[in-house]
Amino acid sequence: MRILGIDPGIATTGYGIIEGSGNRLTLIEYGTILTKPDLVLPKRLNLLFSDLALIMTAFKPEAIAVEELFFNTNAKTALIVGHARGVILLAGERYGCSIFGYTPPQVKMAVTGYGHAKKDQIQAMVKTLLNLDKIPKPDDAADALAIAICHSHSHRIKSLS
C-alpha cells in the first residue's frame, strides 16, 4: 500500500510517501511544501492544494495519513493549521484517497513504542524503519514519514483482525 503521510502547517507542510508491504517499508519520496508569509491566507491555501495535487498525481497514494490537530496554547495557530488541514482533506477526497488521522501520541507509540517519545527518538526510528543512511530533513518531512509509518502499522494490525 502506498501511503502519503502529511504533517500539516501553513508555512511548512511536511510530506512523506512510503510503500508498505507486510512488515517491509520502503521510502518513495519526502519533502516540504512551503508558502511565503507575505501571501494572504487564501493564496497560501491554494498553493498548498496545488502542490498536493501535483504530489498525488505523481505518486498516486492509496491512503493519506494526516496528523490530527493537537494544540493546547495558541488558538490562532490552531485555527490557521486547521485551514491547512482542511485543504489537505479536500485534496485527498478529490483524488480518491482513503484519509486517516492520527494524534501525535498515536504516531509516537506506533513508531517508537512509547507515546511520549522525543523528536530525536522518533527521527532515529524513522531512519531505522525505512533503512535510511541519515535522518530525513527537515523535521516536518521526518514527521510526515512517521505519520505514514503509523498508518502502515495501524493498517497492518487491522487487516490481521
C-alpha atoms as a PDB file:
ATOM      1  CA  MET A   1       0.000   0.000   0.000  1.00  0.00           C
ATOM      2  CA  ARG A   2       1.314   3.421  -0.941  1.00  0.00           C
ATOM      3  CA  ILE A   3       0.815   5.931   1.879  1.00  0.00           C
ATOM      4  CA  LEU A   4       1.207   9.715   1.852  1.00  0.00           C
ATOM      5  CA  GLY A   5       1.915  10.998   5.363  1.00  0.00           C
ATOM      6  CA  ILE A   6       1.311  14.692   5.962  1.00  0.00           C
ATOM      7  CA  ASP A   7       2.390  16.983   8.801  1.00  0.00           C
ATOM      8  CA  PRO A   8       0.072  19.968   8.228  1.00  0.00           C
ATOM      9  CA  GLY A   9       1.158  23.578   8.504  1.00  0.00           C
ATOM     10  CA  ILE A  10       0.579  26.864   6.755  1.00  0.00           C
ATOM     11  CA  ALA A  11       4.208  27.956   6.351  1.00  0.00           C
ATOM     12  CA  THR A  12       5.617  24.435   6.060  1.00  0.00           C
ATOM     13  CA  THR A  13       3.723  21.242   5.329  1.00  0.00           C
ATOM     14  CA  GLY A  14       5.803  18.102   5.517  1.00  0.00           C
ATOM     15  CA  TYR A  15       5.027  15.132   3.308  1.00  0.00           C
ATOM     16  CA  GLY A  16       6.425  11.633   3.086  1.00  0.00           C
ATOM     17  CA  ILE A  17       5.482   8.771   0.809  1.00  0.00           C
ATOM     18  CA  ILE A  18       6.180   5.177   1.714  1.00  0.00           C
ATOM     19  CA  GLU A  19       5.248   1.789   0.325  1.00  0.00           C
ATOM     20  CA  GLY A  20       4.196  -0.788   2.881  1.00  0.00           C
ATOM     21  CA  SER A  21       4.124  -4.487   2.081  1.00  0.00           C
ATOM     22  CA  GLY A  22       3.775  -6.781   5.079  1.00  0.00           C
ATOM     23  CA  ASN A  23       6.499  -5.827   7.540  1.00  0.00           C
ATOM     24  CA  ARG A  24       8.569  -4.152   4.838  1.00  0.00           C
ATOM     25  CA  LEU A  25       8.540  -0.361   4.453  1.00  0.00           C
ATOM     26  CA  THR A  26      10.151   1.421   1.519  1.00  0.00           C
ATOM     27  CA  LEU A  27      10.758   5.141   1.187  1.00  0.00           C
ATOM     28  CA  ILE A  28       9.394   6.601  -2.045  1.00  0.00           C
ATOM     29  CA  GLU A  29       9.784  10.377  -1.555  1.00  0.00           C
ATOM     30  CA  TYR A  30       9.680  13.109   1.066  1.00  0.00           C
ATOM     31  CA  GLY A  31       9.879  16.870   1.282  1.00  0.00           C
ATOM     32  CA  THR A  32       8.040  20.021   2.238  1.00  0.00           C
ATOM     33  CA  ILE A  33       5.548  22.402   0.736  1.00  0.00           C
ATOM     34  CA  LEU A  34       6.445  25.973   1.647  1.00  0.00           C
ATOM     35  CA  THR A  35       4.291  29.085   1.469  1.00  0.00           C
ATOM     36  CA  LYS A  36       5.566  32.630   1.876  1.00  0.00           C
ATOM     37  CA  PRO A  37       4.350  34.577   4.900  1.00  0.00           C
ATOM     38  CA  ASP A  38       3.716  37.700   2.820  1.00  0.00           C
ATOM     39  CA  LEU A  39       0.943  35.926   0.873  1.00  0.00           C
ATOM     40  CA  VAL A  40      -2.635  36.230   2.094  1.00  0.00           C
ATOM     41  CA  LEU A  41      -4.129  33.086   3.607  1.00  0.00           C
ATOM     42  CA  PRO A  42      -6.332  32.132   0.615  1.00  0.00           C
ATOM     43  CA  LYS A  43      -3.315  32.246  -1.728  1.00  0.00           C
ATOM     44  CA  ARG A  44      -1.263  30.147   0.695  1.00  0.00           C
ATOM     45  CA  LEU A  45      -4.050  27.563   0.904  1.00  0.00           C
ATOM     46  CA  ASN A  46      -4.376  27.492  -2.883  1.00  0.00           C
ATOM     47  CA  LEU A  47      -0.624  26.922  -3.233  1.00  0.00           C
ATOM     48  CA  LEU A  48      -0.836  24.091  -0.697  1.00  0.00           C
ATOM     49  CA  PHE A  49      -3.704  22.486  -2.626  1.00  0.00           C
ATOM     50  CA  SER A  50      -1.909  22.839  -5.977  1.00  0.00           C
ATOM     51  CA  ASP A  51       1.310  21.299  -4.674  1.00  0.00           C
ATOM     52  CA  LEU A  52      -0.577  18.438  -3.021  1.00  0.00           C
ATOM     53  CA  ALA A  53      -2.392  17.803  -6.307  1.00  0.00           C
ATOM     54  CA  LEU A  54       0.963  17.518  -8.088  1.00  0.00           C
ATOM     55  CA  ILE A  55       2.298  15.118  -5.440  1.00  0.00           C
ATOM     56  CA  MET A  56      -0.820  12.937  -5.535  1.00  0.00           C
ATOM     57  CA  THR A  57      -0.852  12.865  -9.329  1.00  0.00           C
ATOM     58  CA  ALA A  58       2.827  11.916  -9.488  1.00  0.00           C
ATOM     59  CA  PHE A  59       2.894   9.296  -6.707  1.00  0.00           C
ATOM     60  CA  LYS A  60      -0.707   8.005  -6.631  1.00  0.00           C
ATOM     61  CA  PRO A  61      -1.078   7.204  -2.923  1.00  0.00           C
ATOM     62  CA  GLU A  62      -3.845   4.836  -1.880  1.00  0.00           C
ATOM     63  CA  ALA A  63      -4.108   6.327   1.596  1.00  0.00           C
ATOM     64  CA  ILE A  64      -3.351   9.656   3.215  1.00  0.00           C
ATOM     65  CA  ALA A  65      -2.404   9.812   6.894  1.00  0.00           C
ATOM     66  CA  VAL A  66      -2.635  13.284   8.428  1.00  0.00           C
ATOM     67  CA  GLU A  67      -1.645  14.427  11.867  1.00  0.00           C
ATOM     68  CA  GLU A  68      -4.642  15.499  13.942  1.00  0.00           C
ATOM     69  CA  LEU A  69      -4.571  18.965  15.478  1.00  0.00           C
ATOM     70  CA  PHE A  70      -3.104  18.810  18.958  1.00  0.00           C
ATOM     71  CA  PHE A  71      -2.799  22.286  20.447  1.00  0.00           C
ATOM     72  CA  ASN A  72      -3.211  23.443  23.983  1.00  0.00           C
ATOM     73  CA  THR A  73      -1.976  27.039  23.904  1.00  0.00           C
ATOM     74  CA  ASN A  74      -2.290  29.205  20.786  1.00  0.00           C
ATOM     75  CA  ALA A  75      -5.830  29.204  19.368  1.00  0.00           C
ATOM     76  CA  LYS A  76      -4.857  31.428  16.415  1.00  0.00           C
ATOM     77  CA  THR A  77      -2.171  28.969  15.311  1.00  0.00           C
ATOM     78  CA  ALA A  78      -4.605  26.075  15.710  1.00  0.00           C
ATOM     79  CA  LEU A  79      -7.165  27.837  13.534  1.00  0.00           C
ATOM     80  CA  ILE A  80      -4.660  28.550  10.738  1.00  0.00           C
ATOM     81  CA  VAL A  81      -3.281  24.996  10.810  1.00  0.00           C
ATOM     82  CA  GLY A  82      -6.905  23.819  10.778  1.00  0.00           C
ATOM     83  CA  HIS A  83      -7.392  25.678   7.489  1.00  0.00           C
ATOM     84  CA  ALA A  84      -4.355  23.889   6.034  1.00  0.00           C
ATOM     85  CA  ARG A  85      -5.616  20.549   7.331  1.00  0.00           C
ATOM     86  CA  GLY A  86      -8.987  21.205   5.671  1.00  0.00           C
ATOM     87  CA  VAL A  87      -7.262  21.794   2.327  1.00  0.00           C
ATOM     88  CA  ILE A  88      -5.305  18.554   2.791  1.00  0.00           C
ATOM     89  CA  LEU A  89      -8.512  16.616   3.479  1.00  0.00           C
ATOM     90  CA  LEU A  90     -10.177  18.194   0.444  1.00  0.00           C
ATOM     91  CA  ALA A  91      -7.221  17.291  -1.795  1.00  0.00           C
ATOM     92  CA  GLY A  92      -7.290  13.704  -0.555  1.00  0.00           C
ATOM     93  CA  GLU A  93     -11.013  13.428  -1.199  1.00  0.00           C
ATOM     94  CA  ARG A  94     -10.684  14.957  -4.677  1.00  0.00           C
ATOM     95  CA  TYR A  95      -8.004  12.420  -5.606  1.00  0.00           C
ATOM     96  CA  GLY A  96      -9.974   9.457  -4.264  1.00  0.00           C
ATOM     97  CA  CYS A  97      -7.682   8.558  -1.389  1.00  0.00           C
ATOM     98  CA  SER A  98      -8.739   6.983   1.892  1.00  0.00           C
ATOM     99  CA  ILE A  99      -7.953   9.504   4.626  1.00  0.00           C
ATOM    100  CA  PHE A 100      -6.887   8.701   8.189  1.00  0.00           C
ATOM    101  CA  GLY A 101      -5.975  10.946  11.129  1.00  0.00           C
ATOM    102  CA  TYR A 102      -3.561  10.233  13.964  1.00  0.00           C
ATOM    103  CA  THR A 103      -2.716  12.204  17.095  1.00  0.00           C
ATOM    104  CA  PRO A 104       0.924  12.887  17.981  1.00  0.00           C
ATOM    105  CA  PRO A 105       0.842  10.318  20.842  1.00  0.00           C
ATOM    106  CA  GLN A 106      -0.537   7.668  18.447  1.00  0.00           C
ATOM    107  CA  VAL A 107       2.277   8.389  15.974  1.00  0.00           C
ATOM    108  CA  LYS A 108       4.912   8.257  18.720  1.00  0.00           C
ATOM    109  CA  MET A 109       3.543   4.963  20.037  1.00  0.00           C
ATOM    110  CA  ALA A 110       3.399   3.379  16.575  1.00  0.00           C
ATOM    111  CA  VAL A 111       6.922   4.445  15.617  1.00  0.00           C
ATOM    112  CA  THR A 112       8.815   4.086  18.901  1.00  0.00           C
ATOM    113  CA  GLY A 113       6.571   2.039  21.174  1.00  0.00           C
ATOM    114  CA  TYR A 114       6.375   4.979  23.611  1.00  0.00           C
ATOM    115  CA  GLY A 115       3.617   7.608  23.402  1.00  0.00           C
ATOM    116  CA  HIS A 116       5.772  10.351  24.931  1.00  0.00           C
ATOM    117  CA  ALA A 117       8.890   9.824  22.801  1.00  0.00           C
ATOM    118  CA  LYS A 118      11.058  12.832  21.999  1.00  0.00           C
ATOM    119  CA  LYS A 119      11.526  14.158  18.476  1.00  0.00           C
ATOM    120  CA  ASP A 120      15.061  12.770  18.136  1.00  0.00           C
ATOM    121  CA  GLN A 121      13.853   9.282  19.156  1.00  0.00           C
ATOM    122  CA  ILE A 122      11.104   9.389  16.531  1.00  0.00           C
ATOM    123  CA  GLN A 123      13.504  10.572  13.845  1.00  0.00           C
ATOM    124  CA  ALA A 124      16.003   7.849  14.700  1.00  0.00           C
ATOM    125  CA  MET A 125      13.272   5.201  14.394  1.00  0.00           C
ATOM    126  CA  VAL A 126      12.090   6.656  11.056  1.00  0.00           C
ATOM    127  CA  LYS A 127      15.672   6.288   9.815  1.00  0.00           C
ATOM    128  CA  THR A 128      15.853   2.699  11.092  1.00  0.00           C
ATOM    129  CA  LEU A 129      12.410   1.557   9.935  1.00  0.00           C
ATOM    130  CA  LEU A 130      12.961   2.931   6.427  1.00  0.00           C
ATOM    131  CA  ASN A 131      16.568   1.669   6.303  1.00  0.00           C
ATOM    132  CA  LEU A 132      17.971   5.131   5.529  1.00  0.00           C
ATOM    133  CA  ASP A 133      21.565   6.329   5.737  1.00  0.00           C
ATOM    134  CA  LYS A 134      20.583   9.505   7.581  1.00  0.00           C
ATOM    135  CA  ILE A 135      17.629  11.106   9.330  1.00  0.00           C
ATOM    136  CA  PRO A 136      15.328  12.831   6.823  1.00  0.00           C
ATOM    137  CA  LYS A 137      15.422  16.621   6.945  1.00  0.00           C
ATOM    138  CA  PRO A 138      13.726  18.967   7.533  1.00  0.00           C
ATOM    139  CA  ASP A 139      11.885  17.893  10.675  1.00  0.00           C
ATOM    140  CA  ASP A 140       8.465  18.422   9.047  1.00  0.00           C
ATOM    141  CA  ALA A 141       9.288  15.802   6.402  1.00  0.00           C
ATOM    142  CA  ALA A 142      10.575  13.349   9.030  1.00  0.00           C
ATOM    143  CA  ASP A 143       7.351  13.897  10.995  1.00  0.00           C
ATOM    144  CA  ALA A 144       5.295  13.203   7.856  1.00  0.00           C
ATOM    145  CA  LEU A 145       7.180   9.940   7.309  1.00  0.00           C
ATOM    146  CA  ALA A 146       6.473   8.980  10.933  1.00  0.00           C
ATOM    147  CA  ILE A 147       2.762   9.608  10.311  1.00  0.00           C
ATOM    148  CA  ALA A 148       2.883   7.397   7.201  1.00  0.00           C
ATOM    149  CA  ILE A 149       4.657   4.662   9.180  1.00  0.00           C
ATOM    150  CA  CYS A 150       1.994   4.953  11.888  1.00  0.00           C
ATOM    151  CA  HIS A 151      -0.711   4.335   9.313  1.00  0.00           C
ATOM    152  CA  SER A 152       1.146   1.405   7.788  1.00  0.00           C
ATOM    153  CA  HIS A 153       1.397  -0.257  11.211  1.00  0.00           C
ATOM    154  CA  SER A 154      -2.232   0.533  12.039  1.00  0.00           C
ATOM    155  CA  HIS A 155      -3.476  -0.760   8.693  1.00  0.00           C
ATOM    156  CA  ARG A 156      -1.467  -3.967   9.012  1.00  0.00           C
ATOM    157  CA  ILE A 157      -2.807  -4.636  12.525  1.00  0.00           C
ATOM    158  CA  LYS A 158      -6.417  -4.003  11.419  1.00  0.00           C
ATOM    159  CA  SER A 159      -6.027  -6.326   8.432  1.00  0.00           C
ATOM    160  CA  LEU A 160      -4.920  -9.145  10.755  1.00  0.00           C
ATOM    161  CA  SER A 161      -8.075  -8.982  12.867  1.00  0.00           C
END
